[in-house]
Amino acid sequence: MDYLQKNKDYTLKNIIQNIKCPTLVLEAEMDDAFSGGPEKVYNSLRCPKKHILFTVEEGAEDHCQVASPSL
């Protein structure tokens, strides 16, 4: 439980504007672990960026796209 609590201290909140390199943001359609997180990150980035949404149709809708390693 301590580990999970300490993870809350690690965010991009005050540093995301410092990211300058091209960034790929991946999102899984049914990922409930980070619901809304990828969209927030993508919208906050000011560098070249790309967003890919993995879908149920592709069989890659779960966290880290574990059901579709071919993608």
PDB file of N, CA and C in Angstrom:
ATOM      1  N   MET A   1       0.825  -1.197   0.000  1.00  0.00           N
ATOM      2  CA  MET A   1       0.000   0.000   0.000  1.00  0.00           C
ATOM      3  C   MET A   1       0.869   1.261   0.000  1.00  0.00           C
ATOM      4  N   ASP A   2       1.995   1.210   0.700  1.00  0.00           N
ATOM      5  CA  ASP A   2       2.905   2.362   0.708  1.00  0.00           C
ATOM      6  C   ASP A   2       3.370   2.696  -0.714  1.00  0.00           C
ATOM      7  N   TYR A   3       3.677   1.644  -1.467  1.00  0.00           N
ATOM      8  CA  TYR A   3       4.122   1.833  -2.849  1.00  0.00           C
ATOM      9  C   TYR A   3       3.060   2.584  -3.659  1.00  0.00           C
ATOM     10  N   LEU A   4       1.826   2.155  -3.556  1.00  0.00           N
ATOM     11  CA  LEU A   4       0.745   2.803  -4.296  1.00  0.00           C
ATOM     12  C   LEU A   4       0.553   4.251  -3.860  1.00  0.00           C
ATOM     13  N   GLN A   5       0.649   4.506  -2.587  1.00  0.00           N
ATOM     14  CA  GLN A   5       0.500   5.876  -2.086  1.00  0.00           C
ATOM     15  C   GLN A   5       1.626   6.780  -2.583  1.00  0.00           C
ATOM     16  N   LYS A   6       2.846   6.281  -2.583  1.00  0.00           N
ATOM     17  CA  LYS A   6       3.991   7.080  -3.029  1.00  0.00           C
ATOM     18  C   LYS A   6       3.940   7.382  -4.525  1.00  0.00           C
ATOM     19  N   ASN A   7       3.303   6.519  -5.298  1.00  0.00           N
ATOM     20  CA  ASN A   7       3.188   6.766  -6.736  1.00  0.00           C
ATOM     21  C   ASN A   7       2.418   8.038  -7.040  1.00  0.00           C
ATOM     22  N   LYS A   8       1.554   8.456  -6.158  1.00  0.00           N
ATOM     23  CA  LYS A   8       0.781   9.679  -6.372  1.00  0.00           C
ATOM     24  C   LYS A   8       1.674  10.919  -6.445  1.00  0.00           C
ATOM     25  N   ASP A   9       2.888  10.821  -5.887  1.00  0.00           N
ATOM     26  CA  ASP A   9       3.820  11.949  -5.905  1.00  0.00           C
ATOM     27  C   ASP A   9       4.468  12.152  -7.274  1.00  0.00           C
ATOM     28  N   TYR A  10       4.388  11.149  -8.137  1.00  0.00           N
ATOM     29  CA  TYR A  10       5.051  11.208  -9.438  1.00  0.00           C
ATOM     30  C   TYR A  10       4.032  11.540 -10.521  1.00  0.00           C
ATOM     31  N   THR A  11       4.096  12.776 -10.982  1.00  0.00           N
ATOM     32  CA  THR A  11       3.189  13.228 -12.031  1.00  0.00           C
ATOM     33  C   THR A  11       3.944  14.081 -13.038  1.00  0.00           C
ATOM     34  N   LEU A  12       3.289  14.399 -14.115  1.00  0.00           N
ATOM     35  CA  LEU A  12       3.844  15.316 -15.114  1.00  0.00           C
ATOM     36  C   LEU A  12       3.315  16.732 -14.924  1.00  0.00           C
ATOM     37  N   LYS A  13       2.540  16.916 -13.886  1.00  0.00           N
ATOM     38  CA  LYS A  13       1.801  18.165 -13.667  1.00  0.00           C
ATOM     39  C   LYS A  13       2.620  19.435 -13.902  1.00  0.00           C
ATOM     40  N   ASN A  14       3.757  19.552 -13.289  1.00  0.00           N
ATOM     41  CA  ASN A  14       4.534  20.795 -13.391  1.00  0.00           C
ATOM     42  C   ASN A  14       5.738  20.698 -14.314  1.00  0.00           C
ATOM     43  N   ILE A  15       5.838  19.586 -15.054  1.00  0.00           N
ATOM     44  CA  ILE A  15       7.001  19.437 -15.936  1.00  0.00           C
ATOM     45  C   ILE A  15       6.653  19.075 -17.381  1.00  0.00           C
ATOM     46  N   ILE A  16       5.402  18.792 -17.655  1.00  0.00           N
ATOM     47  CA  ILE A  16       5.047  18.341 -19.003  1.00  0.00           C
ATOM     48  C   ILE A  16       5.414  19.375 -20.063  1.00  0.00           C
ATOM     49  N   GLN A  17       5.400  20.627 -19.715  1.00  0.00           N
ATOM     50  CA  GLN A  17       5.769  21.679 -20.663  1.00  0.00           C
ATOM     51  C   GLN A  17       7.243  21.617 -21.048  1.00  0.00           C
ATOM     52  N   ASN A  18       8.053  20.883 -20.285  1.00  0.00           N
ATOM     53  CA  ASN A  18       9.479  20.755 -20.577  1.00  0.00           C
ATOM     54  C   ASN A  18       9.783  19.663 -21.605  1.00  0.00           C
ATOM     55  N   ILE A  19       8.804  18.851 -21.934  1.00  0.00           N
ATOM     56  CA  ILE A  19       9.018  17.788 -22.921  1.00  0.00           C
ATOM     57  C   ILE A  19       9.083  18.420 -24.303  1.00  0.00           C
ATOM     58  N   LYS A  20      10.200  18.223 -24.987  1.00  0.00           N
ATOM     59  CA  LYS A  20      10.422  18.845 -26.294  1.00  0.00           C
ATOM     60  C   LYS A  20      10.507  17.827 -27.425  1.00  0.00           C
ATOM     61  N   CYS A  21      10.827  16.587 -27.110  1.00  0.00           N
ATOM     62  CA  CYS A  21      11.006  15.581 -28.155  1.00  0.00           C
ATOM     63  C   CYS A  21       9.653  15.069 -28.648  1.00  0.00           C
ATOM     64  N   PRO A  22       9.598  14.581 -29.878  1.00  0.00           N
ATOM     65  CA  PRO A  22       8.347  13.999 -30.367  1.00  0.00           C
ATOM     66  C   PRO A  22       7.885  12.897 -29.415  1.00  0.00           C
ATOM     67  N   THR A  23       6.600  12.882 -29.126  1.00  0.00           N
ATOM     68  CA  THR A  23       6.062  11.984 -28.102  1.00  0.00           C
ATOM     69  C   THR A  23       4.872  11.197 -28.647  1.00  0.00           C
ATOM     70  N   LEU A  24       4.878   9.905 -28.377  1.00  0.00           N
ATOM     71  CA  LEU A  24       3.788   9.016 -28.759  1.00  0.00           C
ATOM     72  C   LEU A  24       2.968   8.697 -27.524  1.00  0.00           C
ATOM     73  N   VAL A  25       1.681   8.972 -27.584  1.00  0.00           N
ATOM     74  CA  VAL A  25       0.770   8.687 -26.477  1.00  0.00           C
ATOM     75  C   VAL A  25      -0.141   7.545 -26.915  1.00  0.00           C
ATOM     76  N   LEU A  26      -0.086   6.444 -26.176  1.00  0.00           N
ATOM     77  CA  LEU A  26      -0.913   5.279 -26.481  1.00  0.00           C
ATOM     78  C   LEU A  26      -2.067   5.204 -25.493  1.00  0.00           C
ATOM     79  N   GLU A  27      -3.224   4.777 -25.994  1.00  0.00           N
ATOM     80  CA  GLU A  27      -4.408   4.666 -25.144  1.00  0.00           C
ATOM     81  C   GLU A  27      -5.176   3.410 -25.522  1.00  0.00           C
ATOM     82  N   ALA A  28      -5.655   2.701 -24.529  1.00  0.00           N
ATOM     83  CA  ALA A  28      -6.482   1.525 -24.764  1.00  0.00           C
ATOM     84  C   ALA A  28      -7.935   1.888 -24.467  1.00  0.00           C
ATOM     85  N   GLU A  29      -8.799   1.555 -25.380  1.00  0.00           N
ATOM     86  CA  GLU A  29     -10.202   1.957 -25.311  1.00  0.00           C
ATOM     87  C   GLU A  29     -10.893   1.558 -23.996  1.00  0.00           C
ATOM     88  N   MET A  30     -10.569   0.422 -23.444  1.00  0.00           N
ATOM     89  CA  MET A  30     -11.249  -0.066 -22.242  1.00  0.00           C
ATOM     90  C   MET A  30     -10.350  -0.043 -20.996  1.00  0.00           C
ATOM     91  N   ASP A  31      -9.268   0.701 -21.048  1.00  0.00           N
ATOM     92  CA  ASP A  31      -8.331   0.769 -19.915  1.00  0.00           C
ATOM     93  C   ASP A  31      -8.927   1.607 -18.798  1.00  0.00           C
ATOM     94  N   ASP A  32      -9.309   0.954 -17.715  1.00  0.00           N
ATOM     95  CA  ASP A  32      -9.890   1.702 -16.599  1.00  0.00           C
ATOM     96  C   ASP A  32      -8.834   2.126 -15.583  1.00  0.00           C
ATOM     97  N   ALA A  33      -7.595   1.689 -15.763  1.00  0.00           N
ATOM     98  CA  ALA A  33      -6.519   2.063 -14.844  1.00  0.00           C
ATOM     99  C   ALA A  33      -6.134   3.536 -15.013  1.00  0.00           C
ATOM    100  N   PHE A  34      -6.186   4.033 -16.231  1.00  0.00           N
ATOM    101  CA  PHE A  34      -5.779   5.410 -16.503  1.00  0.00           C
ATOM    102  C   PHE A  34      -6.837   6.150 -17.316  1.00  0.00           C
ATOM    103  N   SER A  35      -8.066   5.935 -16.982  1.00  0.00           N
ATOM    104  CA  SER A  35      -9.161   6.544 -17.725  1.00  0.00           C
ATOM    105  C   SER A  35      -8.991   8.061 -17.826  1.00  0.00           C
ATOM    106  N   GLY A  36      -8.945   8.550 -19.053  1.00  0.00           N
ATOM    107  CA  GLY A  36      -8.798   9.984 -19.286  1.00  0.00           C
ATOM    108  C   GLY A  36      -7.368  10.487 -19.225  1.00  0.00           C
ATOM    109  N   GLY A  37      -6.465   9.703 -18.695  1.00  0.00           N
ATOM    110  CA  GLY A  37      -5.073  10.124 -18.545  1.00  0.00           C
ATOM    111  C   GLY A  37      -4.358  10.399 -19.854  1.00  0.00           C
ATOM    112  N   PRO A  38      -4.419   9.472 -20.814  1.00  0.00           N
ATOM    113  CA  PRO A  38      -3.732   9.727 -22.087  1.00  0.00           C
ATOM    114  C   PRO A  38      -4.215  11.001 -22.784  1.00  0.00           C
ATOM    115  N   GLU A  39      -5.500  11.257 -22.726  1.00  0.00           N
ATOM    116  CA  GLU A  39      -6.044  12.475 -23.350  1.00  0.00           C
ATOM    117  C   GLU A  39      -5.492  13.724 -22.663  1.00  0.00           C
ATOM    118  N   LYS A  40      -5.417  13.707 -21.342  1.00  0.00           N
ATOM    119  CA  LYS A  40      -4.863  14.856 -20.607  1.00  0.00           C
ATOM    120  C   LYS A  40      -3.408  15.086 -20.982  1.00  0.00           C
ATOM    121  N   VAL A  41      -2.646  14.004 -21.040  1.00  0.00           N
ATOM    122  CA  VAL A  41      -1.229  14.126 -21.406  1.00  0.00           C
ATOM    123  C   VAL A  41      -1.109  14.682 -22.818  1.00  0.00           C
ATOM    124  N   TYR A  42      -1.819  14.086 -23.748  1.00  0.00           N
ATOM    125  CA  TYR A  42      -1.752  14.533 -25.147  1.00  0.00           C
ATOM    126  C   TYR A  42      -2.112  16.013 -25.273  1.00  0.00           C
ATOM    127  N   ASN A  43      -3.179  16.426 -24.644  1.00  0.00           N
ATOM    128  CA  ASN A  43      -3.616  17.822 -24.743  1.00  0.00           C
ATOM    129  C   ASN A  43      -2.660  18.792 -24.066  1.00  0.00           C
ATOM    130  N   SER A  44      -1.898  18.318 -23.100  1.00  0.00           N
ATOM    131  CA  SER A  44      -0.956  19.189 -22.386  1.00  0.00           C
ATOM    132  C   SER A  44       0.386  19.317 -23.090  1.00  0.00           C
ATOM    133  N   LEU A  45       0.712  18.360 -23.931  1.00  0.00           N
ATOM    134  CA  LEU A  45       1.998  18.395 -24.633  1.00  0.00           C
ATOM    135  C   LEU A  45       2.041  19.550 -25.626  1.00  0.00           C
ATOM    136  N   ARG A  46       3.183  20.202 -25.726  1.00  0.00           N
ATOM    137  CA  ARG A  46       3.385  21.302 -26.672  1.00  0.00           C
ATOM    138  C   ARG A  46       4.446  20.956 -27.705  1.00  0.00           C
ATOM    139  N   CYS A  47       4.888  19.714 -27.707  1.00  0.00           N
ATOM    140  CA  CYS A  47       5.894  19.225 -28.639  1.00  0.00           C
ATOM    141  C   CYS A  47       5.191  18.492 -29.785  1.00  0.00           C
ATOM    142  N   PRO A  48       5.940  18.091 -30.819  1.00  0.00           N
ATOM    143  CA  PRO A  48       5.327  17.233 -31.836  1.00  0.00           C
ATOM    144  C   PRO A  48       4.799  15.972 -31.146  1.00  0.00           C
ATOM    145  N   LYS A  49       3.601  15.557 -31.502  1.00  0.00           N
ATOM    146  CA  LYS A  49       2.989  14.447 -30.775  1.00  0.00           C
ATOM    147  C   LYS A  49       2.058  13.646 -31.672  1.00  0.00           C
ATOM    148  N   LYS A  50       1.820  12.415 -31.255  1.00  0.00           N
ATOM    149  CA  LYS A  50       0.883  11.538 -31.956  1.00  0.00           C
ATOM    150  C   LYS A  50       0.126  10.733 -30.916  1.00  0.00           C
ATOM    151  N   HIS A  51      -1.149  10.490 -31.177  1.00  0.00           N
ATOM    152  CA  HIS A  51      -1.994   9.716 -30.279  1.00  0.00           C
ATOM    153  C   HIS A  51      -2.507   8.496 -31.041  1.00  0.00           C
ATOM    154  N   ILE A  52      -2.399   7.321 -30.427  1.00  0.00           N
ATOM    155  CA  ILE A  52      -2.956   6.106 -31.017  1.00  0.00           C
ATOM    156  C   ILE A  52      -3.914   5.492 -30.003  1.00  0.00           C
ATOM    157  N   LEU A  53      -5.135   5.246 -30.455  1.00  0.00           N
ATOM    158  CA  LEU A  53      -6.144   4.597 -29.633  1.00  0.00           C
ATOM    159  C   LEU A  53      -6.276   3.146 -30.085  1.00  0.00           C
ATOM    160  N   PHE A  54      -6.044   2.210 -29.172  1.00  0.00           N
ATOM    161  CA  PHE A  54      -6.218   0.788 -29.447  1.00  0.00           C
ATOM    162  C   PHE A  54      -7.644   0.413 -29.082  1.00  0.00           C
ATOM    163  N   THR A  55      -8.330  -0.284 -29.974  1.00  0.00           N
ATOM    164  CA  THR A  55      -9.760  -0.495 -29.843  1.00  0.00           C
ATOM    165  C   THR A  55     -10.156  -1.950 -29.572  1.00  0.00           C
ATOM    166  N   VAL A  56     -11.412  -2.096 -29.182  1.00  0.00           N
ATOM    167  CA  VAL A  56     -12.003  -3.418 -28.989  1.00  0.00           C
ATOM    168  C   VAL A  56     -11.966  -4.185 -30.311  1.00  0.00           C
ATOM    169  N   GLU A  57     -12.279  -3.499 -31.379  1.00  0.00           N
ATOM    170  CA  GLU A  57     -12.288  -4.123 -32.708  1.00  0.00           C
ATOM    171  C   GLU A  57     -10.941  -4.752 -33.050  1.00  0.00           C
ATOM    172  N   GLU A  58      -9.855  -4.129 -32.608  1.00  0.00           N
ATOM    173  CA  GLU A  58      -8.516  -4.662 -32.867  1.00  0.00           C
ATOM    174  C   GLU A  58      -8.125  -5.753 -31.871  1.00  0.00           C
ATOM    175  N   GLY A  59      -8.909  -5.888 -30.809  1.00  0.00           N
ATOM    176  CA  GLY A  59      -8.564  -6.835 -29.750  1.00  0.00           C
ATOM    177  C   GLY A  59      -7.453  -6.310 -28.863  1.00  0.00           C
ATOM    178  N   ALA A  60      -7.303  -4.994 -28.821  1.00  0.00           N
ATOM    179  CA  ALA A  60      -6.201  -4.377 -28.082  1.00  0.00           C
ATOM    180  C   ALA A  60      -6.706  -3.324 -27.106  1.00  0.00           C
ATOM    181  N   GLU A  61      -7.901  -3.522 -26.589  1.00  0.00           N
ATOM    182  CA  GLU A  61      -8.555  -2.508 -25.764  1.00  0.00           C
ATOM    183  C   GLU A  61      -8.117  -2.489 -24.311  1.00  0.00           C
ATOM    184  N   ASP A  62      -7.337  -3.494 -23.882  1.00  0.00           N
ATOM    185  CA  ASP A  62      -6.946  -3.590 -22.477  1.00  0.00           C
ATOM    186  C   ASP A  62      -5.668  -2.816 -22.169  1.00  0.00           C
ATOM    187  N   HIS A  63      -5.446  -2.581 -20.890  1.00  0.00           N
ATOM    188  CA  HIS A  63      -4.248  -1.893 -20.409  1.00  0.00           C
ATOM    189  C   HIS A  63      -2.994  -2.496 -21.039  1.00  0.00           C
ATOM    190  N   CYS A  64      -2.162  -1.683 -21.596  1.00  0.00           N
ATOM    191  CA  CYS A  64      -0.919  -2.097 -22.269  1.00  0.00           C
ATOM    192  C   CYS A  64      -1.159  -2.991 -23.483  1.00  0.00           C
ATOM    193  N   GLN A  65      -2.379  -3.022 -23.966  1.00  0.00           N
ATOM    194  CA  GLN A  65      -2.735  -3.769 -25.164  1.00  0.00           C
ATOM    195  C   GLN A  65      -2.316  -5.235 -25.077  1.00  0.00           C
ATOM    196  N   VAL A  66      -2.422  -5.829 -23.896  1.00  0.00           N
ATOM    197  CA  VAL A  66      -1.928  -7.200 -23.660  1.00  0.00           C
ATOM    198  C   VAL A  66      -2.639  -8.257 -24.488  1.00  0.00           C
ATOM    199  N   ALA A  67      -3.847  -8.004 -24.929  1.00  0.00           N
ATOM    200  CA  ALA A  67      -4.580  -9.020 -25.681  1.00  0.00           C
ATOM    201  C   ALA A  67      -4.188  -9.053 -27.165  1.00  0.00           C
ATOM    202  N   SER A  68      -3.384  -8.101 -27.590  1.00  0.00           N
ATOM    203  CA  SER A  68      -3.017  -8.051 -29.003  1.00  0.00           C
ATOM    204  C   SER A  68      -1.537  -7.737 -29.176  1.00  0.00           C
ATOM    205  N   PRO A  69      -0.673  -8.680 -28.834  1.00  0.00           N
ATOM    206  CA  PRO A  69       0.768  -8.425 -28.956  1.00  0.00           C
ATOM    207  C   PRO A  69       1.229  -8.186 -30.391  1.00  0.00           C
ATOM    208  N   SER A  70       0.435  -8.612 -31.375  1.00  0.00           N
ATOM    209  CA  SER A  70       0.840  -8.396 -32.765  1.00  0.00           C
ATOM    210  C   SER A  70       0.836  -6.914 -33.147  1.00  0.00           C
ATOM    211  N   LEU A  71       0.007  -6.120 -32.448  1.00  0.00           N
ATOM    212  CA  LEU A  71       0.005  -4.689 -32.734  1.00  0.00           C
ATOM    213  C   LEU A  71       1.192  -4.029 -32.081  1.00  0.00           C
TER     214      LEU A  71
END
